[in-house]
């Protein structure tokens, strides 16, 4: 009698398809590379708490104003009410709003840290995002430490809050201006996507502006621009590489090198903490897309 073999079932979530090269990537290998594709260096979008985990020293993050959440001053409703949308997003993401702010450290360099999350209503800037970013700048000024904000906001101003959202552009810009006038340091990190009101305000005001490779950065999206001006845009328009070439960015830094580069920049801007080394590492950290990677299977790659 022939005993039939049991069918082997591959658990869900073991493999993930790269959005850029369409390769199948072993999820664990991608996570170990800070959510960067081992084949094409594509930087996946990641949630705010994962960004904190891979950027800050372990256990150093202390969240500020964790219970701040938006109200519904306009009683706004599209398909559903704004209040209901916020409740659903809070349950889905585990966040109160699209930003986390707190104190932390990078290679023992103390900072105030903020990160926006495109998973929460596309990271759009409402009253809570604007208030927390403004308070972050004020707190950094009081503590006399740099503020580092990593932006991943593709939603611009949050229309559900109307003018209350638009005024956050001026409020955050004013807070950053006061920080700089007091001699403070602001390092802005732009990730995919950084668009709309965020890009038109605080995200573009860094003393140093970094970006991850391949990030979409701008105000209006490329399709909107093409439809408005009736012209075809240059290849790569609004990518971090295009912006670096045209002088808008200071550096493009791979996510895997971001911690090290931020620590080096902090040392350059304000000096290293007493008793800590000035140079974190000597390996070059500025990267571009298109790096060839050999022995793909050893990196957990399954090609289509």
C-alpha atoms as a PDB file:
ATOM      1  CA  UNK A   1       0.000   0.000   0.000  1.00  0.00           C
ATOM      2  CA  UNK A   2       1.303   3.418  -0.976  1.00  0.00           C
ATOM      3  CA  UNK A   3       1.092   5.939   1.797  1.00  0.00           C
ATOM      4  CA  UNK A   4       0.363   9.361   0.315  1.00  0.00           C
ATOM      5  CA  UNK A   5       2.806  12.082   1.215  1.00  0.00           C
ATOM      6  CA  UNK A   6       1.538  14.945   3.243  1.00  0.00           C
ATOM      7  CA  UNK A   7       1.514  18.175   1.283  1.00  0.00           C
ATOM      8  CA  UNK A   8       4.020  20.646   2.685  1.00  0.00           C
ATOM      9  CA  UNK A   9       2.391  23.946   3.460  1.00  0.00           C
ATOM     10  CA  UNK A  10       4.538  27.080   3.386  1.00  0.00           C
ATOM     11  CA  UNK A  11       3.413  29.429   6.166  1.00  0.00           C
ATOM     12  CA  UNK A  12       2.000  32.759   5.053  1.00  0.00           C
ATOM     13  CA  UNK A  13       4.337  35.728   5.293  1.00  0.00           C
ATOM     14  CA  UNK A  14       7.624  33.860   4.791  1.00  0.00           C
ATOM     15  CA  UNK A  15       8.240  35.530   1.443  1.00  0.00           C
ATOM     16  CA  UNK A  16       7.507  39.021   0.197  1.00  0.00           C
ATOM     17  CA  UNK A  17       7.583  40.412  -3.335  1.00  0.00           C
ATOM     18  CA  UNK A  18       9.783  43.427  -3.967  1.00  0.00           C
ATOM     19  CA  UNK A  19       7.777  46.302  -5.418  1.00  0.00           C
ATOM     20  CA  UNK A  20      10.750  47.445  -7.524  1.00  0.00           C
ATOM     21  CA  UNK A  21      12.449  44.336  -8.983  1.00  0.00           C
ATOM     22  CA  UNK A  22       9.559  41.855  -8.476  1.00  0.00           C
ATOM     23  CA  UNK A  23      11.927  39.380  -6.832  1.00  0.00           C
ATOM     24  CA  UNK A  24      10.640  37.125  -4.063  1.00  0.00           C
ATOM     25  CA  UNK A  25      12.523  37.912  -0.878  1.00  0.00           C
ATOM     26  CA  UNK A  26      12.778  35.842   2.262  1.00  0.00           C
ATOM     27  CA  UNK A  27      11.106  38.144   4.777  1.00  0.00           C
ATOM     28  CA  UNK A  28      13.606  37.453   7.558  1.00  0.00           C
ATOM     29  CA  UNK A  29      16.511  38.411   5.275  1.00  0.00           C
ATOM     30  CA  UNK A  30      14.761  41.653   4.363  1.00  0.00           C
ATOM     31  CA  UNK A  31      14.067  42.523   8.008  1.00  0.00           C
ATOM     32  CA  UNK A  32      17.711  41.860   8.898  1.00  0.00           C
ATOM     33  CA  UNK A  33      18.660  44.381   6.213  1.00  0.00           C
ATOM     34  CA  UNK A  34      16.381  47.042   7.761  1.00  0.00           C
ATOM     35  CA  UNK A  35      13.607  46.339   5.244  1.00  0.00           C
ATOM     36  CA  UNK A  36      15.859  46.895   2.223  1.00  0.00           C
ATOM     37  CA  UNK A  37      15.701  44.563  -0.799  1.00  0.00           C
ATOM     38  CA  UNK A  38      18.948  42.534  -1.065  1.00  0.00           C
ATOM     39  CA  UNK A  39      18.743  42.553  -4.876  1.00  0.00           C
ATOM     40  CA  UNK A  40      17.902  46.101  -5.955  1.00  0.00           C
ATOM     41  CA  UNK A  41      18.297  48.097  -2.714  1.00  0.00           C
ATOM     42  CA  UNK A  42      14.621  49.103  -2.764  1.00  0.00           C
ATOM     43  CA  UNK A  43      13.651  50.665   0.576  1.00  0.00           C
ATOM     44  CA  UNK A  44      10.285  49.353   1.755  1.00  0.00           C
ATOM     45  CA  UNK A  45       8.004  51.662   3.694  1.00  0.00           C
ATOM     46  CA  UNK A  46       8.058  50.795   7.371  1.00  0.00           C
ATOM     47  CA  UNK A  47       5.862  51.780  10.349  1.00  0.00           C
ATOM     48  CA  UNK A  48       6.963  54.356  12.893  1.00  0.00           C
ATOM     49  CA  UNK A  49       7.771  51.917  15.700  1.00  0.00           C
ATOM     50  CA  UNK A  50      10.017  49.850  13.444  1.00  0.00           C
ATOM     51  CA  UNK A  51      11.756  53.059  12.407  1.00  0.00           C
ATOM     52  CA  UNK A  52      12.414  53.818  16.059  1.00  0.00           C
ATOM     53  CA  UNK A  53      13.748  50.302  16.628  1.00  0.00           C
ATOM     54  CA  UNK A  54      16.277  50.410  13.799  1.00  0.00           C
ATOM     55  CA  UNK A  55      17.337  54.047  14.298  1.00  0.00           C
ATOM     56  CA  UNK A  56      17.667  54.660  18.044  1.00  0.00           C
ATOM     57  CA  UNK A  57      19.703  52.935  20.715  1.00  0.00           C
ATOM     58  CA  UNK A  58      17.798  50.030  22.190  1.00  0.00           C
ATOM     59  CA  UNK A  59      15.502  51.089  25.015  1.00  0.00           C
ATOM     60  CA  UNK A  60      16.405  54.785  24.725  1.00  0.00           C
ATOM     61  CA  UNK A  61      13.123  56.072  23.268  1.00  0.00           C
ATOM     62  CA  UNK A  62      10.811  57.744  25.756  1.00  0.00           C
ATOM     63  CA  UNK A  63       7.611  58.861  24.057  1.00  0.00           C
ATOM     64  CA  UNK A  64       6.287  62.344  24.769  1.00  0.00           C
ATOM     65  CA  UNK A  65       2.579  63.270  24.755  1.00  0.00           C
ATOM     66  CA  UNK A  66       1.464  59.685  23.993  1.00  0.00           C
ATOM     67  CA  UNK A  67      -2.233  60.357  24.624  1.00  0.00           C
ATOM     68  CA  UNK A  68      -2.633  63.328  22.297  1.00  0.00           C
ATOM     69  CA  UNK A  69      -5.225  62.549  19.629  1.00  0.00           C
ATOM     70  CA  UNK A  70      -7.256  64.515  17.070  1.00  0.00           C
ATOM     71  CA  UNK A  71     -10.731  65.938  17.510  1.00  0.00           C
ATOM     72  CA  UNK A  72     -13.330  66.536  14.809  1.00  0.00           C
ATOM     73  CA  UNK A  73     -13.887  70.320  14.885  1.00  0.00           C
ATOM     74  CA  UNK A  74     -15.672  70.409  11.512  1.00  0.00           C
ATOM     75  CA  UNK A  75     -17.823  67.293  11.981  1.00  0.00           C
ATOM     76  CA  UNK A  76     -16.325  66.242   8.657  1.00  0.00           C
ATOM     77  CA  UNK A  77     -17.799  63.344   6.724  1.00  0.00           C
ATOM     78  CA  UNK A  78     -17.027  61.756   3.371  1.00  0.00           C
ATOM     79  CA  UNK A  79     -17.811  58.034   3.100  1.00  0.00           C
ATOM     80  CA  UNK A  80     -17.643  57.887   6.887  1.00  0.00           C
ATOM     81  CA  UNK A  81     -17.224  60.520   9.576  1.00  0.00           C
ATOM     82  CA  UNK A  82     -13.726  61.745  10.448  1.00  0.00           C
ATOM     83  CA  UNK A  83     -14.194  60.556  14.041  1.00  0.00           C
ATOM     84  CA  UNK A  84     -14.959  57.048  12.794  1.00  0.00           C
ATOM     85  CA  UNK A  85     -12.010  57.113  10.382  1.00  0.00           C
ATOM     86  CA  UNK A  86      -9.621  58.120  13.167  1.00  0.00           C
ATOM     87  CA  UNK A  87     -10.973  55.351  15.404  1.00  0.00           C
ATOM     88  CA  UNK A  88     -10.488  52.755  12.659  1.00  0.00           C
ATOM     89  CA  UNK A  89      -6.947  53.955  11.922  1.00  0.00           C
ATOM     90  CA  UNK A  90      -6.068  53.880  15.608  1.00  0.00           C
ATOM     91  CA  UNK A  91      -7.247  50.285  15.907  1.00  0.00           C
ATOM     92  CA  UNK A  92      -5.455  49.224  12.722  1.00  0.00           C
ATOM     93  CA  UNK A  93      -2.094  50.886  13.418  1.00  0.00           C
ATOM     94  CA  UNK A  94      -1.936  51.063  17.205  1.00  0.00           C
ATOM     95  CA  UNK A  95      -1.139  54.787  16.926  1.00  0.00           C
ATOM     96  CA  UNK A  96      -3.083  57.778  18.235  1.00  0.00           C
ATOM     97  CA  UNK A  97      -2.137  59.767  15.117  1.00  0.00           C
ATOM     98  CA  UNK A  98       0.414  59.810  12.304  1.00  0.00           C
ATOM     99  CA  UNK A  99       3.444  60.832  14.396  1.00  0.00           C
ATOM    100  CA  UNK A 100       5.495  59.568  17.329  1.00  0.00           C
ATOM    101  CA  UNK A 101       7.746  62.011  19.206  1.00  0.00           C
ATOM    102  CA  UNK A 102      10.059  61.490  22.149  1.00  0.00           C
ATOM    103  CA  UNK A 103      13.567  61.659  23.530  1.00  0.00           C
ATOM    104  CA  UNK A 104      16.171  59.086  22.600  1.00  0.00           C
ATOM    105  CA  UNK A 105      19.783  58.452  21.683  1.00  0.00           C
ATOM    106  CA  UNK A 106      21.783  57.460  18.622  1.00  0.00           C
ATOM    107  CA  UNK A 107      25.131  55.876  19.504  1.00  0.00           C
ATOM    108  CA  UNK A 108      24.676  57.521  22.939  1.00  0.00           C
ATOM    109  CA  UNK A 109      24.120  60.971  21.376  1.00  0.00           C
ATOM    110  CA  UNK A 110      21.008  62.386  23.078  1.00  0.00           C
ATOM    111  CA  UNK A 111      18.343  63.814  20.772  1.00  0.00           C
ATOM    112  CA  UNK A 112      14.679  64.666  20.469  1.00  0.00           C
ATOM    113  CA  UNK A 113      13.270  62.325  17.838  1.00  0.00           C
ATOM    114  CA  UNK A 114      10.146  62.388  15.710  1.00  0.00           C
ATOM    115  CA  UNK A 115       8.845  60.073  12.982  1.00  0.00           C
ATOM    116  CA  UNK A 116       5.702  60.263  10.866  1.00  0.00           C
ATOM    117  CA  UNK A 117       3.912  57.153   9.645  1.00  0.00           C
ATOM    118  CA  UNK A 118       2.272  56.897   6.225  1.00  0.00           C
ATOM    119  CA  UNK A 119       0.135  54.001   7.464  1.00  0.00           C
ATOM    120  CA  UNK A 120      -2.073  56.438   9.413  1.00  0.00           C
ATOM    121  CA  UNK A 121      -4.184  58.380   6.873  1.00  0.00           C
ATOM    122  CA  UNK A 122      -1.052  58.509   4.651  1.00  0.00           C
ATOM    123  CA  UNK A 123       0.873  60.385   7.335  1.00  0.00           C
ATOM    124  CA  UNK A 124      -1.101  63.548   6.617  1.00  0.00           C
ATOM    125  CA  UNK A 125      -0.436  66.543   8.848  1.00  0.00           C
ATOM    126  CA  UNK A 126      -3.352  67.403  11.064  1.00  0.00           C
ATOM    127  CA  UNK A 127      -3.411  69.321  14.324  1.00  0.00           C
ATOM    128  CA  UNK A 128      -1.786  66.521  16.334  1.00  0.00           C
ATOM    129  CA  UNK A 129       1.128  66.079  13.917  1.00  0.00           C
ATOM    130  CA  UNK A 130       1.733  69.829  13.813  1.00  0.00           C
ATOM    131  CA  UNK A 131       1.490  70.208  17.577  1.00  0.00           C
ATOM    132  CA  UNK A 132       3.865  67.330  18.319  1.00  0.00           C
ATOM    133  CA  UNK A 133       6.447  68.475  15.761  1.00  0.00           C
ATOM    134  CA  UNK A 134       6.297  72.018  17.166  1.00  0.00           C
ATOM    135  CA  UNK A 135       6.659  70.755  20.722  1.00  0.00           C
ATOM    136  CA  UNK A 136       9.576  68.549  19.647  1.00  0.00           C
ATOM    137  CA  UNK A 137      11.447  71.611  18.375  1.00  0.00           C
ATOM    138  CA  UNK A 138      10.674  73.532  21.581  1.00  0.00           C
ATOM    139  CA  UNK A 139      11.767  70.597  23.768  1.00  0.00           C
ATOM    140  CA  UNK A 140      15.039  70.239  21.840  1.00  0.00           C
ATOM    141  CA  UNK A 141      15.635  73.961  22.338  1.00  0.00           C
ATOM    142  CA  UNK A 142      15.064  73.638  26.092  1.00  0.00           C
ATOM    143  CA  UNK A 143      17.206  70.490  26.414  1.00  0.00           C
ATOM    144  CA  UNK A 144      19.907  71.928  24.146  1.00  0.00           C
ATOM    145  CA  UNK A 145      20.055  68.768  22.051  1.00  0.00           C
ATOM    146  CA  UNK A 146      19.538  68.231  18.297  1.00  0.00           C
ATOM    147  CA  UNK A 147      16.134  67.283  16.935  1.00  0.00           C
ATOM    148  CA  UNK A 148      15.945  64.566  14.269  1.00  0.00           C
ATOM    149  CA  UNK A 149      12.672  64.113  12.396  1.00  0.00           C
ATOM    150  CA  UNK A 150      12.142  61.291   9.902  1.00  0.00           C
ATOM    151  CA  UNK A 151       9.279  62.134   7.562  1.00  0.00           C
ATOM    152  CA  UNK A 152       7.153  59.634   5.675  1.00  0.00           C
ATOM    153  CA  UNK A 153       4.014  61.601   4.879  1.00  0.00           C
ATOM    154  CA  UNK A 154       2.311  61.229   1.539  1.00  0.00           C
ATOM    155  CA  UNK A 155      -0.995  62.819   2.455  1.00  0.00           C
ATOM    156  CA  UNK A 156      -0.112  66.502   2.743  1.00  0.00           C
ATOM    157  CA  UNK A 157      -2.443  68.577   4.891  1.00  0.00           C
ATOM    158  CA  UNK A 158      -5.333  66.583   6.362  1.00  0.00           C
ATOM    159  CA  UNK A 159      -8.443  67.883   4.606  1.00  0.00           C
ATOM    160  CA  UNK A 160     -10.693  66.475   7.338  1.00  0.00           C
ATOM    161  CA  UNK A 161      -9.508  69.288   9.633  1.00  0.00           C
ATOM    162  CA  UNK A 162      -9.658  72.104   7.093  1.00  0.00           C
ATOM    163  CA  UNK A 163      -7.841  75.282   8.103  1.00  0.00           C
ATOM    164  CA  UNK A 164      -6.794  73.691  11.401  1.00  0.00           C
ATOM    165  CA  UNK A 165      -4.581  71.421   9.314  1.00  0.00           C
ATOM    166  CA  UNK A 166      -3.220  74.104   6.973  1.00  0.00           C
ATOM    167  CA  UNK A 167      -2.131  76.313   9.873  1.00  0.00           C
ATOM    168  CA  UNK A 168       0.211  73.551  11.075  1.00  0.00           C
ATOM    169  CA  UNK A 169       2.548  74.386   8.190  1.00  0.00           C
ATOM    170  CA  UNK A 170       3.156  77.864   9.595  1.00  0.00           C
ATOM    171  CA  UNK A 171       3.240  76.640  13.202  1.00  0.00           C
ATOM    172  CA  UNK A 172       5.878  73.958  12.629  1.00  0.00           C
ATOM    173  CA  UNK A 173       7.983  76.301  10.477  1.00  0.00           C
ATOM    174  CA  UNK A 174       7.897  78.960  13.204  1.00  0.00           C
ATOM    175  CA  UNK A 175       8.934  76.430  15.855  1.00  0.00           C
ATOM    176  CA  UNK A 176      11.902  75.297  13.745  1.00  0.00           C
ATOM    177  CA  UNK A 177      12.857  78.948  13.159  1.00  0.00           C
ATOM    178  CA  UNK A 178      12.888  79.633  16.915  1.00  0.00           C
ATOM    179  CA  UNK A 179      15.045  76.539  17.455  1.00  0.00           C
ATOM    180  CA  UNK A 180      17.593  77.754  14.918  1.00  0.00           C
ATOM    181  CA  UNK A 181      17.625  81.294  16.305  1.00  0.00           C
ATOM    182  CA  UNK A 182      18.507  79.784  19.685  1.00  0.00           C
ATOM    183  CA  UNK A 183      21.451  77.922  18.128  1.00  0.00           C
ATOM    184  CA  UNK A 184      19.709  74.548  17.942  1.00  0.00           C
ATOM    185  CA  UNK A 185      20.223  71.884  15.281  1.00  0.00           C
ATOM    186  CA  UNK A 186      17.551  70.219  13.147  1.00  0.00           C
ATOM    187  CA  UNK A 187      18.352  67.210  10.959  1.00  0.00           C
ATOM    188  CA  UNK A 188      15.554  66.297   8.546  1.00  0.00           C
ATOM    189  CA  UNK A 189      15.376  62.820   7.019  1.00  0.00           C
ATOM    190  CA  UNK A 190      13.062  62.348   4.035  1.00  0.00           C
ATOM    191  CA  UNK A 191      11.694  58.901   3.190  1.00  0.00           C
ATOM    192  CA  UNK A 192       9.220  57.503   0.702  1.00  0.00           C
ATOM    193  CA  UNK A 193       6.915  59.373   0.447  1.00  0.00           C
ATOM    194  CA  UNK A 194       7.464  62.916   1.758  1.00  0.00           C
ATOM    195  CA  UNK A 195       4.910  65.109   0.035  1.00  0.00           C
ATOM    196  CA  UNK A 196       2.450  67.969   0.386  1.00  0.00           C
ATOM    197  CA  UNK A 197       2.231  70.204   3.443  1.00  0.00           C
ATOM    198  CA  UNK A 198       4.960  68.320   5.308  1.00  0.00           C
ATOM    199  CA  UNK A 199       7.435  68.951   2.492  1.00  0.00           C
ATOM    200  CA  UNK A 200       6.246  72.544   2.127  1.00  0.00           C
ATOM    201  CA  UNK A 201       6.995  73.265   5.785  1.00  0.00           C
ATOM    202  CA  UNK A 202       9.254  71.758   8.451  1.00  0.00           C
ATOM    203  CA  UNK A 203      10.642  68.816   6.434  1.00  0.00           C
ATOM    204  CA  UNK A 204      12.474  71.152   4.047  1.00  0.00           C
ATOM    205  CA  UNK A 205      13.920  73.364   6.815  1.00  0.00           C
ATOM    206  CA  UNK A 206      16.638  71.093   8.182  1.00  0.00           C
ATOM    207  CA  UNK A 207      20.137  72.391   8.803  1.00  0.00           C
ATOM    208  CA  UNK A 208      21.043  69.153   7.068  1.00  0.00           C
ATOM    209  CA  UNK A 209      18.562  67.322   4.832  1.00  0.00           C
ATOM    210  CA  UNK A 210      19.080  63.619   4.193  1.00  0.00           C
ATOM    211  CA  UNK A 211      16.998  61.244   2.114  1.00  0.00           C
ATOM    212  CA  UNK A 212      16.761  57.517   1.600  1.00  0.00           C
ATOM    213  CA  UNK A 213      17.451  56.165  -1.905  1.00  0.00           C
ATOM    214  CA  UNK A 214      14.550  56.254  -4.332  1.00  0.00           C
ATOM    215  CA  UNK A 215      12.212  58.230  -2.086  1.00  0.00           C
ATOM    216  CA  UNK A 216       9.366  60.215  -3.674  1.00  0.00           C
ATOM    217  CA  UNK A 217       9.767  63.803  -2.467  1.00  0.00           C
ATOM    218  CA  UNK A 218       7.826  66.901  -3.510  1.00  0.00           C
ATOM    219  CA  UNK A 219       4.669  68.943  -3.096  1.00  0.00           C
ATOM    220  CA  UNK A 220       2.097  67.864  -5.688  1.00  0.00           C
ATOM    221  CA  UNK A 221       2.462  64.396  -7.216  1.00  0.00           C
ATOM    222  CA  UNK A 222       3.991  63.932 -10.676  1.00  0.00           C
ATOM    223  CA  UNK A 223       0.658  62.997 -12.289  1.00  0.00           C
ATOM    224  CA  UNK A 224      -0.968  66.184 -10.999  1.00  0.00           C
ATOM    225  CA  UNK A 225       1.957  68.282 -12.271  1.00  0.00           C
ATOM    226  CA  UNK A 226       1.893  66.675 -15.728  1.00  0.00           C
ATOM    227  CA  UNK A 227      -1.846  67.198 -16.043  1.00  0.00           C
ATOM    228  CA  UNK A 228      -1.463  70.837 -14.978  1.00  0.00           C
ATOM    229  CA  UNK A 229       1.459  71.898 -17.172  1.00  0.00           C
ATOM    230  CA  UNK A 230       0.622  69.506 -20.047  1.00  0.00           C
ATOM    231  CA  UNK A 231       4.231  68.363 -20.319  1.00  0.00           C
ATOM    232  CA  UNK A 232       6.116  65.132 -19.685  1.00  0.00           C
ATOM    233  CA  UNK A 233       8.342  65.349 -16.643  1.00  0.00           C
ATOM    234  CA  UNK A 234      12.029  64.296 -16.700  1.00  0.00           C
ATOM    235  CA  UNK A 235      12.804  60.687 -15.827  1.00  0.00           C
ATOM    236  CA  UNK A 236      13.213  60.217 -12.106  1.00  0.00           C
ATOM    237  CA  UNK A 237      11.521  63.537 -11.339  1.00  0.00           C
ATOM    238  CA  UNK A 238      10.867  64.018  -7.598  1.00  0.00           C
ATOM    239  CA  UNK A 239      13.079  61.100  -6.557  1.00  0.00           C
ATOM    240  CA  UNK A 240      15.756  61.714  -3.962  1.00  0.00           C
ATOM    241  CA  UNK A 241      18.440  61.187  -6.628  1.00  0.00           C
ATOM    242  CA  UNK A 242      16.886  63.898  -8.824  1.00  0.00           C
ATOM    243  CA  UNK A 243      16.669  66.305  -5.886  1.00  0.00           C
ATOM    244  CA  UNK A 244      20.268  65.651  -4.844  1.00  0.00           C
ATOM    245  CA  UNK A 245      21.451  66.345  -8.394  1.00  0.00           C
ATOM    246  CA  UNK A 246      19.566  69.664  -8.355  1.00  0.00           C
ATOM    247  CA  UNK A 247      20.918  70.800  -5.001  1.00  0.00           C
ATOM    248  CA  UNK A 248      17.865  70.313  -2.814  1.00  0.00           C
ATOM    249  CA  UNK A 249      19.332  67.576  -0.607  1.00  0.00           C
ATOM    250  CA  UNK A 250      22.639  67.336   1.200  1.00  0.00           C
ATOM    251  CA  UNK A 251      23.042  63.562   1.143  1.00  0.00           C
ATOM    252  CA  UNK A 252      21.407  60.284   0.180  1.00  0.00           C
ATOM    253  CA  UNK A 253      21.972  57.688   2.879  1.00  0.00           C
ATOM    254  CA  UNK A 254      20.982  54.035   2.849  1.00  0.00           C
ATOM    255  CA  UNK A 255      18.697  53.030   5.713  1.00  0.00           C
ATOM    256  CA  UNK A 256      21.298  50.508   6.865  1.00  0.00           C
ATOM    257  CA  UNK A 257      23.805  53.334   7.341  1.00  0.00           C
ATOM    258  CA  UNK A 258      21.416  55.924   8.759  1.00  0.00           C
ATOM    259  CA  UNK A 259      22.198  55.437  12.470  1.00  0.00           C
ATOM    260  CA  UNK A 260      25.914  55.786  11.879  1.00  0.00           C
ATOM    261  CA  UNK A 261      25.562  58.799   9.612  1.00  0.00           C
ATOM    262  CA  UNK A 262      23.222  60.624  11.973  1.00  0.00           C
ATOM    263  CA  UNK A 263      25.697  60.132  14.838  1.00  0.00           C
ATOM    264  CA  UNK A 264      28.536  61.470  12.682  1.00  0.00           C
ATOM    265  CA  UNK A 265      26.492  64.514  11.674  1.00  0.00           C
ATOM    266  CA  UNK A 266      25.530  65.233  15.284  1.00  0.00           C
ATOM    267  CA  UNK A 267      29.219  65.123  16.225  1.00  0.00           C
ATOM    268  CA  UNK A 268      29.995  67.486  13.356  1.00  0.00           C
ATOM    269  CA  UNK A 269      27.237  69.944  14.274  1.00  0.00           C
ATOM    270  CA  UNK A 270      27.403  69.986  18.084  1.00  0.00           C
ATOM    271  CA  UNK A 271      30.427  67.858  19.033  1.00  0.00           C
ATOM    272  CA  UNK A 272      30.510  64.360  20.545  1.00  0.00           C
ATOM    273  CA  UNK A 273      29.438  63.728  24.141  1.00  0.00           C
ATOM    274  CA  UNK A 274      32.257  63.795  26.652  1.00  0.00           C
ATOM    275  CA  UNK A 275      34.103  60.508  26.813  1.00  0.00           C
ATOM    276  CA  UNK A 276      32.678  59.119  23.553  1.00  0.00           C
ATOM    277  CA  UNK A 277      34.662  58.661  20.327  1.00  0.00           C
ATOM    278  CA  UNK A 278      34.322  61.283  17.606  1.00  0.00           C
ATOM    279  CA  UNK A 279      34.371  58.820  14.697  1.00  0.00           C
ATOM    280  CA  UNK A 280      31.708  56.110  14.802  1.00  0.00           C
ATOM    281  CA  UNK A 281      33.123  54.270  11.807  1.00  0.00           C
ATOM    282  CA  UNK A 282      35.240  55.188   8.824  1.00  0.00           C
ATOM    283  CA  UNK A 283      33.278  53.276   6.188  1.00  0.00           C
ATOM    284  CA  UNK A 284      31.717  55.556   3.524  1.00  0.00           C
ATOM    285  CA  UNK A 285      27.967  55.760   3.976  1.00  0.00           C
ATOM    286  CA  UNK A 286      26.543  57.764   1.079  1.00  0.00           C
ATOM    287  CA  UNK A 287      24.868  55.349  -1.324  1.00  0.00           C
ATOM    288  CA  UNK A 288      22.904  55.291  -4.541  1.00  0.00           C
ATOM    289  CA  UNK A 289      20.582  52.766  -6.127  1.00  0.00           C
ATOM    290  CA  UNK A 290      21.740  50.074  -8.505  1.00  0.00           C
ATOM    291  CA  UNK A 291      24.417  48.384  -6.400  1.00  0.00           C
ATOM    292  CA  UNK A 292      25.179  44.902  -7.720  1.00  0.00           C
ATOM    293  CA  UNK A 293      24.782  42.111  -5.189  1.00  0.00           C
ATOM    294  CA  UNK A 294      26.222  38.685  -5.948  1.00  0.00           C
ATOM    295  CA  UNK A 295      25.290  35.282  -4.597  1.00  0.00           C
ATOM    296  CA  UNK A 296      21.620  36.188  -4.390  1.00  0.00           C
ATOM    297  CA  UNK A 297      20.473  32.908  -2.907  1.00  0.00           C
ATOM    298  CA  UNK A 298      22.771  33.392   0.080  1.00  0.00           C
ATOM    299  CA  UNK A 299      20.934  36.602   0.815  1.00  0.00           C
ATOM    300  CA  UNK A 300      17.575  34.849   0.875  1.00  0.00           C
ATOM    301  CA  UNK A 301      16.432  35.618  -2.682  1.00  0.00           C
ATOM    302  CA  UNK A 302      14.096  33.572  -4.829  1.00  0.00           C
ATOM    303  CA  UNK A 303      13.908  34.910  -8.380  1.00  0.00           C
ATOM    304  CA  UNK A 304      10.712  34.676 -10.407  1.00  0.00           C
END
